[in-house]
Amino acid sequence: MNGNSFVDLPAIVIVPGDEEETDGPDPFKQCKMTVFLDAYFVNDTDDPEKTDTYLNRLQGDIKKALLLDHTRGGYAIDTNILGTTPFETVDGQHYAGITIEVEILYQHLRLDPGVSA
């Protein structure tokens, strides 16, 4: 089996979304990329703390970590958190989690996408 299994929780799975490009000031292209962060965790059935409390903490910790460097190490212009959605759960499900939608704004040279600006 490749990848992580559900025994490796908590875990975050990064899922790339759509990327939009528009002409920026010459010689640049401005880009907007959406990324979805699926954060999984296990809440012990004997734990008196409610799952929603853990989800709120997890959401806050991830948002704080994302916004510590909104330029993604200098490669991005900005990072915006667009929203958060909790996973739909069913009785007996051994994990819970949230999906955080993130928008990353960046630009690169029109003739060389490997060079950020």
N, C-alpha and C. Protein backbone atom coordinates (compact mmCIF):
# COMPACT_ATOMS: atom_id res chain seq x y z
N MET A 1 0.85 -1.18 0.00
CA MET A 1 0.00 0.00 0.00
C MET A 1 0.88 1.23 0.00
N ASN A 2 0.58 2.18 -0.85
CA ASN A 2 1.33 3.44 -0.90
C ASN A 2 0.61 4.50 -0.10
N GLY A 3 1.36 5.49 0.38
CA GLY A 3 0.76 6.60 1.11
C GLY A 3 0.54 6.28 2.56
N ASN A 4 -0.19 7.15 3.22
CA ASN A 4 -0.46 6.99 4.64
C ASN A 4 -1.71 6.17 4.86
N SER A 5 -1.74 5.46 5.98
CA SER A 5 -2.96 4.76 6.36
C SER A 5 -3.61 5.53 7.50
N PHE A 6 -4.81 5.15 7.87
CA PHE A 6 -5.52 5.88 8.91
C PHE A 6 -4.95 5.63 10.30
N VAL A 7 -3.93 4.79 10.44
CA VAL A 7 -3.28 4.67 11.74
C VAL A 7 -2.28 5.81 11.93
N ASP A 8 -1.99 6.54 10.86
CA ASP A 8 -1.04 7.64 10.91
C ASP A 8 -1.73 8.98 11.15
N LEU A 9 -2.70 9.00 12.04
CA LEU A 9 -3.44 10.24 12.32
C LEU A 9 -2.92 10.90 13.57
N PRO A 10 -2.94 12.21 13.70
CA PRO A 10 -3.52 13.17 12.77
C PRO A 10 -2.68 13.31 11.50
N ALA A 11 -3.35 13.71 10.43
CA ALA A 11 -2.68 13.87 9.14
C ALA A 11 -3.37 14.97 8.34
N ILE A 12 -2.60 15.61 7.46
CA ILE A 12 -3.16 16.60 6.54
C ILE A 12 -2.82 16.15 5.12
N VAL A 13 -3.84 16.09 4.28
CA VAL A 13 -3.67 15.74 2.87
C VAL A 13 -3.87 17.02 2.07
N ILE A 14 -2.88 17.35 1.23
CA ILE A 14 -2.93 18.57 0.42
C ILE A 14 -3.46 18.20 -0.96
N VAL A 15 -4.58 18.83 -1.35
CA VAL A 15 -5.22 18.54 -2.63
C VAL A 15 -5.21 19.82 -3.47
N PRO A 16 -4.49 19.83 -4.60
CA PRO A 16 -4.48 21.04 -5.42
C PRO A 16 -5.82 21.23 -6.12
N GLY A 17 -6.20 22.49 -6.26
CA GLY A 17 -7.44 22.83 -6.95
C GLY A 17 -7.13 23.54 -8.25
N ASP A 18 -8.04 24.38 -8.67
CA ASP A 18 -7.88 25.10 -9.94
C ASP A 18 -6.83 26.20 -9.82
N GLU A 19 -6.22 26.49 -10.97
CA GLU A 19 -5.26 27.59 -11.06
C GLU A 19 -5.72 28.52 -12.18
N GLU A 20 -5.77 29.81 -11.88
CA GLU A 20 -6.15 30.81 -12.88
C GLU A 20 -4.96 31.71 -13.16
N GLU A 21 -4.78 32.04 -14.43
CA GLU A 21 -3.71 32.96 -14.82
C GLU A 21 -4.31 34.17 -15.52
N THR A 22 -3.80 35.34 -15.20
CA THR A 22 -4.20 36.57 -15.89
C THR A 22 -2.93 37.34 -16.23
N ASP A 23 -3.03 38.18 -17.25
CA ASP A 23 -1.88 39.00 -17.60
C ASP A 23 -1.68 40.05 -16.52
N GLY A 24 -0.46 40.12 -16.02
CA GLY A 24 -0.10 41.13 -15.04
C GLY A 24 0.69 42.22 -15.72
N PRO A 25 1.30 43.09 -14.94
CA PRO A 25 2.16 44.10 -15.56
C PRO A 25 3.31 43.40 -16.28
N ASP A 26 3.59 43.85 -17.51
CA ASP A 26 4.63 43.21 -18.32
C ASP A 26 5.94 43.18 -17.56
N PRO A 27 6.67 42.12 -17.48
CA PRO A 27 6.62 40.84 -18.17
C PRO A 27 6.05 39.71 -17.30
N PHE A 28 5.04 39.97 -16.49
CA PHE A 28 4.57 38.98 -15.52
C PHE A 28 3.19 38.42 -15.84
N LYS A 29 2.96 37.20 -15.35
CA LYS A 29 1.64 36.58 -15.30
C LYS A 29 1.25 36.53 -13.83
N GLN A 30 0.02 36.91 -13.52
CA GLN A 30 -0.46 36.80 -12.15
C GLN A 30 -1.32 35.55 -12.06
N CYS A 31 -1.13 34.79 -10.98
CA CYS A 31 -1.80 33.51 -10.83
C CYS A 31 -2.51 33.42 -9.49
N LYS A 32 -3.57 32.65 -9.52
CA LYS A 32 -4.34 32.38 -8.31
C LYS A 32 -4.58 30.87 -8.28
N MET A 33 -4.12 30.21 -7.22
CA MET A 33 -4.28 28.76 -7.09
C MET A 33 -5.05 28.44 -5.82
N THR A 34 -6.01 27.54 -5.95
CA THR A 34 -6.76 27.08 -4.79
C THR A 34 -6.18 25.75 -4.34
N VAL A 35 -6.02 25.61 -3.03
CA VAL A 35 -5.51 24.38 -2.43
C VAL A 35 -6.48 23.98 -1.32
N PHE A 36 -6.78 22.69 -1.23
CA PHE A 36 -7.64 22.18 -0.18
C PHE A 36 -6.80 21.37 0.79
N LEU A 37 -6.90 21.68 2.06
CA LEU A 37 -6.19 20.95 3.10
C LEU A 37 -7.20 20.09 3.85
N ASP A 38 -7.12 18.78 3.68
CA ASP A 38 -7.99 17.85 4.40
C ASP A 38 -7.26 17.39 5.65
N ALA A 39 -7.74 17.82 6.81
CA ALA A 39 -7.09 17.50 8.09
C ALA A 39 -7.90 16.44 8.81
N TYR A 40 -7.27 15.29 9.07
CA TYR A 40 -7.91 14.15 9.73
C TYR A 40 -7.37 14.01 11.15
N PHE A 41 -8.21 13.57 12.08
CA PHE A 41 -7.75 13.21 13.42
C PHE A 41 -8.69 12.17 14.01
N VAL A 42 -8.20 11.49 15.04
CA VAL A 42 -8.98 10.49 15.74
C VAL A 42 -9.33 11.02 17.12
N ASN A 43 -10.60 10.94 17.47
CA ASN A 43 -11.04 11.31 18.81
C ASN A 43 -11.40 10.02 19.53
N ASP A 44 -10.68 9.72 20.61
CA ASP A 44 -10.91 8.50 21.38
C ASP A 44 -12.35 8.48 21.88
N THR A 45 -13.01 7.35 21.77
CA THR A 45 -14.41 7.26 22.19
C THR A 45 -14.59 7.48 23.69
N ASP A 46 -13.54 7.27 24.47
CA ASP A 46 -13.62 7.49 25.92
C ASP A 46 -13.30 8.92 26.32
N ASP A 47 -12.92 9.75 25.37
CA ASP A 47 -12.55 11.13 25.66
C ASP A 47 -13.80 11.96 25.97
N PRO A 48 -13.84 12.63 27.12
CA PRO A 48 -15.03 13.43 27.46
C PRO A 48 -15.13 14.72 26.63
N GLU A 49 -14.03 15.14 26.01
CA GLU A 49 -14.03 16.36 25.19
C GLU A 49 -14.81 16.12 23.90
N LYS A 50 -15.64 17.05 23.52
CA LYS A 50 -16.45 16.92 22.31
C LYS A 50 -15.58 17.03 21.06
N THR A 51 -15.96 16.30 20.03
CA THR A 51 -15.23 16.33 18.76
C THR A 51 -15.17 17.75 18.20
N ASP A 52 -16.25 18.51 18.33
CA ASP A 52 -16.27 19.89 17.82
C ASP A 52 -15.20 20.76 18.47
N THR A 53 -14.90 20.50 19.74
CA THR A 53 -13.83 21.26 20.41
C THR A 53 -12.50 20.99 19.73
N TYR A 54 -12.23 19.72 19.42
CA TYR A 54 -10.99 19.38 18.73
C TYR A 54 -10.96 19.97 17.32
N LEU A 55 -12.10 19.94 16.63
CA LEU A 55 -12.16 20.53 15.29
C LEU A 55 -11.86 22.02 15.32
N ASN A 56 -12.41 22.73 16.31
CA ASN A 56 -12.14 24.16 16.43
C ASN A 56 -10.67 24.44 16.71
N ARG A 57 -10.06 23.65 17.59
CA ARG A 57 -8.62 23.82 17.87
C ARG A 57 -7.79 23.53 16.63
N LEU A 58 -8.13 22.44 15.94
CA LEU A 58 -7.41 22.06 14.73
C LEU A 58 -7.50 23.16 13.68
N GLN A 59 -8.70 23.69 13.49
CA GLN A 59 -8.91 24.77 12.53
C GLN A 59 -8.07 25.99 12.91
N GLY A 60 -8.10 26.39 14.16
CA GLY A 60 -7.33 27.55 14.60
C GLY A 60 -5.83 27.36 14.44
N ASP A 61 -5.34 26.16 14.79
CA ASP A 61 -3.90 25.88 14.67
C ASP A 61 -3.44 25.92 13.21
N ILE A 62 -4.25 25.35 12.32
CA ILE A 62 -3.87 25.33 10.90
C ILE A 62 -3.89 26.74 10.33
N LYS A 63 -4.93 27.51 10.65
CA LYS A 63 -5.00 28.89 10.15
C LYS A 63 -3.81 29.71 10.65
N LYS A 64 -3.48 29.56 11.91
CA LYS A 64 -2.35 30.30 12.47
C LYS A 64 -1.06 29.91 11.75
N ALA A 65 -0.85 28.63 11.53
CA ALA A 65 0.37 28.17 10.85
C ALA A 65 0.43 28.69 9.41
N LEU A 66 -0.70 28.69 8.72
CA LEU A 66 -0.72 29.18 7.33
C LEU A 66 -0.39 30.66 7.24
N LEU A 67 -0.88 31.42 8.20
CA LEU A 67 -0.72 32.88 8.12
C LEU A 67 0.56 33.39 8.77
N LEU A 68 1.36 32.49 9.37
CA LEU A 68 2.66 32.91 9.89
C LEU A 68 3.55 33.44 8.77
N ASP A 69 3.42 32.83 7.58
CA ASP A 69 4.18 33.29 6.42
C ASP A 69 3.24 33.31 5.22
N HIS A 70 2.52 34.40 5.07
CA HIS A 70 1.53 34.49 4.00
C HIS A 70 2.15 34.58 2.62
N THR A 71 3.50 34.75 2.54
CA THR A 71 4.17 34.79 1.23
C THR A 71 4.75 33.43 0.85
N ARG A 72 4.48 32.40 1.64
CA ARG A 72 4.95 31.04 1.36
C ARG A 72 6.45 31.02 1.07
N GLY A 73 7.22 31.63 1.95
CA GLY A 73 8.68 31.65 1.80
C GLY A 73 9.16 32.64 0.75
N GLY A 74 8.33 33.61 0.41
CA GLY A 74 8.70 34.61 -0.59
C GLY A 74 8.26 34.27 -2.00
N TYR A 75 7.63 33.12 -2.20
CA TYR A 75 7.19 32.71 -3.53
C TYR A 75 5.80 33.24 -3.88
N ALA A 76 5.03 33.66 -2.89
CA ALA A 76 3.66 34.12 -3.13
C ALA A 76 3.51 35.59 -2.79
N ILE A 77 2.50 36.20 -3.37
CA ILE A 77 2.16 37.57 -3.03
C ILE A 77 1.34 37.58 -1.74
N ASP A 78 0.39 36.64 -1.65
CA ASP A 78 -0.47 36.57 -0.48
C ASP A 78 -1.12 35.20 -0.39
N THR A 79 -1.60 34.88 0.80
CA THR A 79 -2.34 33.65 1.06
C THR A 79 -3.63 34.03 1.77
N ASN A 80 -4.75 33.55 1.26
CA ASN A 80 -6.05 33.85 1.85
C ASN A 80 -6.77 32.55 2.21
N ILE A 81 -7.34 32.51 3.39
CA ILE A 81 -8.15 31.37 3.79
C ILE A 81 -9.59 31.68 3.38
N LEU A 82 -10.14 30.86 2.48
CA LEU A 82 -11.46 31.13 1.91
C LEU A 82 -12.59 30.53 2.73
N GLY A 83 -12.33 29.44 3.43
CA GLY A 83 -13.39 28.82 4.21
C GLY A 83 -12.98 27.48 4.78
N THR A 84 -13.83 26.98 5.66
CA THR A 84 -13.59 25.71 6.33
C THR A 84 -14.89 24.91 6.33
N THR A 85 -14.78 23.61 6.04
CA THR A 85 -15.94 22.73 6.04
C THR A 85 -15.62 21.48 6.86
N PRO A 86 -16.44 21.15 7.86
CA PRO A 86 -16.20 19.91 8.60
C PRO A 86 -16.57 18.70 7.74
N PHE A 87 -15.89 17.58 7.97
CA PHE A 87 -16.24 16.34 7.28
C PHE A 87 -17.64 15.91 7.72
N GLU A 88 -18.37 15.29 6.82
CA GLU A 88 -19.62 14.64 7.22
C GLU A 88 -19.24 13.32 7.87
N THR A 89 -19.79 13.06 9.04
CA THR A 89 -19.45 11.83 9.76
C THR A 89 -20.70 10.98 9.96
N VAL A 90 -20.46 9.69 10.16
CA VAL A 90 -21.54 8.75 10.45
C VAL A 90 -21.22 8.06 11.77
N ASP A 91 -22.24 7.50 12.41
CA ASP A 91 -22.02 6.80 13.67
C ASP A 91 -21.00 5.69 13.50
N GLY A 92 -20.07 5.62 14.44
CA GLY A 92 -19.06 4.58 14.42
C GLY A 92 -17.83 4.92 13.59
N GLN A 93 -17.83 6.05 12.91
CA GLN A 93 -16.66 6.44 12.12
C GLN A 93 -15.52 6.74 13.07
N HIS A 94 -14.34 6.19 12.80
CA HIS A 94 -13.22 6.31 13.73
C HIS A 94 -12.38 7.57 13.55
N TYR A 95 -12.74 8.42 12.61
CA TYR A 95 -11.99 9.65 12.42
C TYR A 95 -12.96 10.80 12.13
N ALA A 96 -12.46 12.00 12.27
CA ALA A 96 -13.21 13.21 11.93
C ALA A 96 -12.22 14.17 11.30
N GLY A 97 -12.69 15.31 10.85
CA GLY A 97 -11.76 16.26 10.28
C GLY A 97 -12.45 17.44 9.63
N ILE A 98 -11.63 18.26 9.01
CA ILE A 98 -12.10 19.47 8.34
C ILE A 98 -11.34 19.65 7.03
N THR A 99 -11.97 20.36 6.11
CA THR A 99 -11.31 20.77 4.88
C THR A 99 -11.20 22.28 4.91
N ILE A 100 -9.98 22.78 4.72
CA ILE A 100 -9.73 24.21 4.69
C ILE A 100 -9.37 24.59 3.25
N GLU A 101 -10.10 25.55 2.70
CA GLU A 101 -9.85 26.01 1.33
C GLU A 101 -8.95 27.25 1.39
N VAL A 102 -7.82 27.17 0.69
CA VAL A 102 -6.82 28.23 0.73
C VAL A 102 -6.58 28.73 -0.69
N GLU A 103 -6.44 30.05 -0.83
CA GLU A 103 -6.13 30.66 -2.12
C GLU A 103 -4.74 31.28 -2.03
N ILE A 104 -3.88 30.92 -2.97
CA ILE A 104 -2.51 31.45 -2.99
C ILE A 104 -2.36 32.32 -4.24
N LEU A 105 -1.97 33.57 -4.03
CA LEU A 105 -1.76 34.51 -5.13
C LEU A 105 -0.26 34.65 -5.37
N TYR A 106 0.15 34.53 -6.62
CA TYR A 106 1.58 34.66 -6.94
C TYR A 106 1.73 35.13 -8.37
N GLN A 107 2.95 35.47 -8.75
CA GLN A 107 3.22 35.86 -10.13
C GLN A 107 4.56 35.29 -10.56
N HIS A 108 4.70 35.13 -11.87
CA HIS A 108 5.95 34.63 -12.44
C HIS A 108 6.19 35.32 -13.77
N LEU A 109 7.41 35.18 -14.26
CA LEU A 109 7.73 35.75 -15.56
C LEU A 109 6.89 35.08 -16.64
N ARG A 110 6.38 35.86 -17.55
CA ARG A 110 5.52 35.35 -18.62
C ARG A 110 6.24 34.28 -19.45
N LEU A 111 7.51 34.48 -19.74
CA LEU A 111 8.25 33.56 -20.60
C LEU A 111 8.99 32.48 -19.84
N ASP A 112 8.97 32.53 -18.50
CA ASP A 112 9.65 31.51 -17.71
C ASP A 112 8.90 31.31 -16.39
N PRO A 113 7.91 30.38 -16.37
CA PRO A 113 7.11 30.17 -15.16
C PRO A 113 7.93 29.70 -13.96
N GLY A 114 9.16 29.27 -14.19
CA GLY A 114 10.01 28.83 -13.08
C GLY A 114 10.63 29.97 -12.30
N VAL A 115 10.46 31.20 -12.77
CA VAL A 115 11.04 32.36 -12.09
C VAL A 115 9.91 33.18 -11.48
N SER A 116 9.84 33.17 -10.15
CA SER A 116 8.80 33.95 -9.47
C SER A 116 9.22 35.41 -9.43
N ALA A 117 8.23 36.25 -9.24
CA ALA A 117 8.52 37.68 -9.21
C ALA A 117 7.92 38.32 -7.98
